[in-house]
Amino acid sequence: MQIRAIAVAALIAVLAGSAFAQAPQGTPTNVRGAIAKLDGNVLTVKSPDGKIVAVNLAPNLSVRTAVRKKLSDIHPGDFVGSTAVPGKDGMLHAVEVHFLPANAPIPDTQNPWDLRPGSLMTNAHVTGVAKAPQGQVLSLDYKKGTAQIIVGPKTPIVAPGPGTTEDLKKGKAVFMVARKSDDGTLTAANVTVEKNGVKPPM
């Protein structure tokens, strides 16, 4: 019995090491735009500024789609991300809100984001949703603080849906956090792609 336990532990260690080895290493780099082409494991994306970006897709690639949701779908305890920009009223105003995948290794935090000038990304758990003159106030709680974010009636809200590499078609909008190696090569293990007209708003 002890020998079996040792063997199982060794197998788990090997599998964990293999998974770690497959995970892309390097500097996190946001890639967004429209798919130009998929050639083997290389996804070429045309960014909003017209640049062509080639991203190597990791062997353990996970493809997700964007599914449209409403503010009423958000409840206390949900883990969400939101890009927001400061308004003249001193409040943060959501550019988008997205549900984060369950059990994803994403830290709850607030950091500068590159979607718009001055924007912040807040990944946090929902503590409440309340009415406000400008829309609704989404209350979020993350490790180092809290955030109150105004969500307007036209703010896009999405959740991750199932997807495959078959969804990576030319012209579809995509978003991914790739890893940039020292030689500038980009590798991504997760891609969110447009489906049924719903684009990843991140």
Protein backbone atom coordinates (compact mmCIF):
# COMPACT_ATOMS: atom_id res chain seq x y z
CA MET A 1 0.00 0.00 0.00
CA GLN A 2 2.84 2.37 0.88
CA ILE A 3 4.58 1.56 -2.41
CA ARG A 4 1.38 2.38 -4.31
CA ALA A 5 1.05 5.71 -2.47
CA ILE A 6 4.64 6.60 -3.34
CA ALA A 7 4.03 5.68 -6.98
CA VAL A 8 0.88 7.84 -7.13
CA ALA A 9 2.70 10.78 -5.54
CA ALA A 10 5.51 10.42 -8.05
CA LEU A 11 3.02 10.34 -10.94
CA ILE A 12 1.30 13.51 -9.68
CA ALA A 13 4.66 15.24 -9.42
CA VAL A 14 5.54 14.25 -12.99
CA LEU A 15 2.18 15.45 -14.33
CA ALA A 16 2.45 18.73 -12.43
CA GLY A 17 5.95 19.25 -13.76
CA SER A 18 4.76 18.52 -17.28
CA ALA A 19 1.88 21.02 -16.97
CA PHE A 20 4.27 23.65 -15.65
CA ALA A 21 6.64 23.00 -18.52
CA GLN A 22 3.80 23.54 -21.02
CA ALA A 23 2.79 26.87 -19.48
CA PRO A 24 4.19 29.81 -21.49
CA GLN A 25 6.89 31.75 -19.68
CA GLY A 26 7.74 35.43 -20.10
CA THR A 27 6.27 38.90 -19.73
CA PRO A 28 2.44 39.12 -19.87
CA THR A 29 1.44 41.00 -23.03
CA ASN A 30 -2.12 41.82 -24.08
CA VAL A 31 -2.96 40.99 -27.69
CA ARG A 32 -6.28 42.08 -29.17
CA GLY A 33 -7.59 42.69 -32.66
CA ALA A 34 -8.99 40.75 -35.61
CA ILE A 35 -7.68 37.40 -36.77
CA ALA A 36 -5.70 37.68 -40.00
CA LYS A 37 -5.02 33.95 -40.29
CA LEU A 38 -4.35 30.73 -38.42
CA ASP A 39 -1.42 28.78 -39.85
CA GLY A 40 -0.71 25.62 -37.91
CA ASN A 41 -0.09 26.74 -34.33
CA VAL A 42 0.60 30.38 -35.27
CA LEU A 43 -2.28 32.85 -34.93
CA THR A 44 -1.74 36.14 -36.74
CA VAL A 45 -3.72 39.10 -35.42
CA LYS A 46 -4.20 42.59 -36.84
CA SER A 47 -4.24 44.93 -33.85
CA PRO A 48 -6.45 48.05 -33.70
CA ASP A 49 -3.47 50.24 -34.66
CA GLY A 50 -2.90 48.16 -37.81
CA LYS A 51 0.12 46.21 -36.61
CA ILE A 52 0.39 42.53 -37.49
CA VAL A 53 1.17 40.34 -34.48
CA ALA A 54 2.08 36.64 -34.66
CA VAL A 55 1.32 34.51 -31.60
CA ASN A 56 2.40 30.92 -31.07
CA LEU A 57 -0.42 28.84 -29.61
CA ALA A 58 0.67 26.58 -26.76
CA PRO A 59 0.08 22.81 -26.98
CA ASN A 60 -2.33 23.06 -24.03
CA LEU A 61 -4.31 25.87 -25.68
CA SER A 62 -7.74 26.71 -24.26
CA VAL A 63 -10.15 28.53 -26.59
CA ARG A 64 -13.09 30.41 -25.12
CA THR A 65 -15.87 32.38 -26.75
CA ALA A 66 -17.68 35.47 -25.47
CA VAL A 67 -21.30 35.07 -24.39
CA ARG A 68 -23.47 38.16 -23.84
CA LYS A 69 -24.77 38.70 -20.31
CA LYS A 70 -26.80 41.31 -18.42
CA LEU A 71 -26.05 43.17 -15.22
CA SER A 72 -28.85 41.21 -13.55
CA ASP A 73 -26.76 38.07 -14.12
CA ILE A 74 -24.10 39.37 -11.72
CA HIS A 75 -24.56 38.35 -8.09
CA PRO A 76 -22.60 38.73 -4.83
CA GLY A 77 -19.74 36.25 -4.71
CA ASP A 78 -19.18 36.20 -8.48
CA PHE A 79 -15.59 36.64 -9.63
CA VAL A 80 -15.48 39.27 -12.36
CA GLY A 81 -13.09 41.56 -14.17
CA SER A 82 -13.86 45.10 -15.27
CA THR A 83 -12.00 47.66 -17.33
CA ALA A 84 -12.91 51.11 -16.02
CA VAL A 85 -11.82 54.70 -16.50
CA PRO A 86 -12.03 57.61 -14.03
CA GLY A 87 -14.91 60.01 -14.69
CA LYS A 88 -15.20 63.73 -13.96
CA ASP A 89 -17.34 62.77 -10.98
CA GLY A 90 -14.35 61.01 -9.40
CA MET A 91 -15.94 57.58 -9.88
CA LEU A 92 -14.69 54.69 -11.97
CA HIS A 93 -16.90 54.03 -15.01
CA ALA A 94 -16.91 50.57 -16.55
CA VAL A 95 -15.85 50.19 -20.17
CA GLU A 96 -16.69 46.49 -19.94
CA VAL A 97 -17.40 43.76 -17.39
CA HIS A 98 -16.57 40.10 -17.85
CA PHE A 99 -17.08 37.00 -15.75
CA LEU A 100 -13.79 35.27 -15.00
CA PRO A 101 -13.52 31.51 -15.63
CA ALA A 102 -14.22 29.38 -12.59
CA ASN A 103 -11.06 28.14 -10.85
CA ALA A 104 -8.83 30.22 -13.14
CA PRO A 105 -5.47 31.13 -11.54
CA ILE A 106 -6.21 34.85 -11.77
CA PRO A 107 -5.25 37.06 -8.81
CA ASP A 108 -7.85 39.43 -7.41
CA THR A 109 -6.22 42.79 -7.90
CA GLN A 110 -6.44 46.21 -9.56
CA ASN A 111 -3.82 47.28 -12.08
CA PRO A 112 -3.33 49.70 -15.00
CA TRP A 113 -4.80 48.36 -18.24
CA ASP A 114 -4.11 49.22 -21.86
CA LEU A 115 -7.60 49.18 -23.39
CA ARG A 116 -7.98 52.95 -23.03
CA PRO A 117 -5.75 55.74 -21.72
CA GLY A 118 -5.91 55.83 -17.93
CA SER A 119 -7.94 52.63 -17.68
CA LEU A 120 -7.71 50.15 -14.81
CA MET A 121 -8.48 46.44 -14.71
CA THR A 122 -10.10 45.24 -11.51
CA ASN A 123 -10.36 41.49 -10.93
CA ALA A 124 -12.42 40.99 -7.81
CA HIS A 125 -15.35 39.35 -6.10
CA VAL A 126 -18.70 41.08 -6.21
CA THR A 127 -20.05 42.27 -2.88
CA GLY A 128 -23.15 44.03 -4.22
CA VAL A 129 -24.96 45.87 -6.99
CA ALA A 130 -26.90 49.06 -6.24
CA LYS A 131 -28.80 51.65 -8.26
CA ALA A 132 -27.17 54.98 -9.04
CA PRO A 133 -28.16 58.05 -11.09
CA GLN A 134 -25.65 57.15 -13.83
CA GLY A 135 -26.56 53.46 -13.95
CA GLN A 136 -25.67 50.82 -11.39
CA VAL A 137 -22.81 50.67 -8.89
CA LEU A 138 -20.87 47.42 -8.88
CA SER A 139 -19.12 46.91 -5.55
CA LEU A 140 -15.97 44.80 -5.74
CA ASP A 141 -13.61 43.43 -3.13
CA TYR A 142 -10.03 42.44 -3.94
CA LYS A 143 -6.98 41.61 -1.82
CA LYS A 144 -5.63 45.12 -1.37
CA GLY A 145 -8.84 47.13 -1.42
CA THR A 146 -12.34 47.71 -2.70
CA ALA A 147 -13.76 49.40 -5.78
CA GLN A 148 -17.05 51.05 -6.66
CA ILE A 149 -17.60 50.97 -10.43
CA ILE A 150 -20.47 52.62 -12.33
CA VAL A 151 -21.93 50.28 -14.95
CA GLY A 152 -24.00 52.09 -17.58
CA PRO A 153 -26.90 50.56 -19.49
CA LYS A 154 -24.78 50.17 -22.65
CA THR A 155 -21.70 48.69 -20.95
CA PRO A 156 -20.91 45.32 -22.56
CA ILE A 157 -21.02 42.39 -20.14
CA VAL A 158 -19.80 38.96 -21.21
CA ALA A 159 -19.05 35.53 -19.81
CA PRO A 160 -16.73 32.83 -21.14
CA GLY A 161 -18.32 30.17 -23.33
CA PRO A 162 -16.98 26.98 -24.88
CA GLY A 163 -14.82 27.26 -27.97
CA THR A 164 -12.43 25.33 -30.19
CA THR A 165 -9.73 26.18 -32.70
CA GLU A 166 -12.48 25.95 -35.33
CA ASP A 167 -13.74 29.28 -33.97
CA LEU A 168 -10.42 30.99 -34.79
CA LYS A 169 -11.59 32.25 -38.18
CA LYS A 170 -10.32 35.17 -40.22
CA GLY A 171 -11.92 38.46 -39.26
CA LYS A 172 -13.10 37.34 -35.81
CA ALA A 173 -12.16 39.54 -32.87
CA VAL A 174 -9.81 37.99 -30.33
CA PHE A 175 -8.23 38.83 -27.00
CA MET A 176 -5.44 37.01 -25.19
CA VAL A 177 -2.78 37.60 -22.57
CA ALA A 178 0.30 36.20 -24.30
CA ARG A 179 3.75 35.74 -22.83
CA LYS A 180 6.66 37.54 -24.48
CA SER A 181 10.02 35.76 -24.30
CA ASP A 182 13.41 37.48 -24.29
CA ASP A 183 13.63 37.18 -28.08
CA GLY A 184 10.24 38.86 -28.54
CA THR A 185 8.34 35.68 -29.39
CA LEU A 186 4.73 35.64 -28.16
CA THR A 187 3.04 32.48 -26.86
CA ALA A 188 -0.53 32.13 -25.59
CA ALA A 189 -2.26 29.30 -23.74
CA ASN A 190 -5.70 30.99 -23.64
CA VAL A 191 -7.62 32.79 -26.37
CA THR A 192 -11.06 34.40 -26.22
CA VAL A 193 -12.69 34.77 -29.62
CA GLU A 194 -15.81 36.42 -31.01
CA LYS A 195 -18.81 34.17 -31.67
CA ASN A 196 -22.37 34.95 -32.78
CA GLY A 197 -21.42 38.61 -33.03
CA VAL A 198 -20.30 38.87 -29.39
CA LYS A 199 -16.76 40.23 -29.23
CA PRO A 200 -14.38 40.00 -26.27
CA PRO A 201 -14.50 43.58 -24.94
CA MET A 202 -11.34 43.40 -22.82
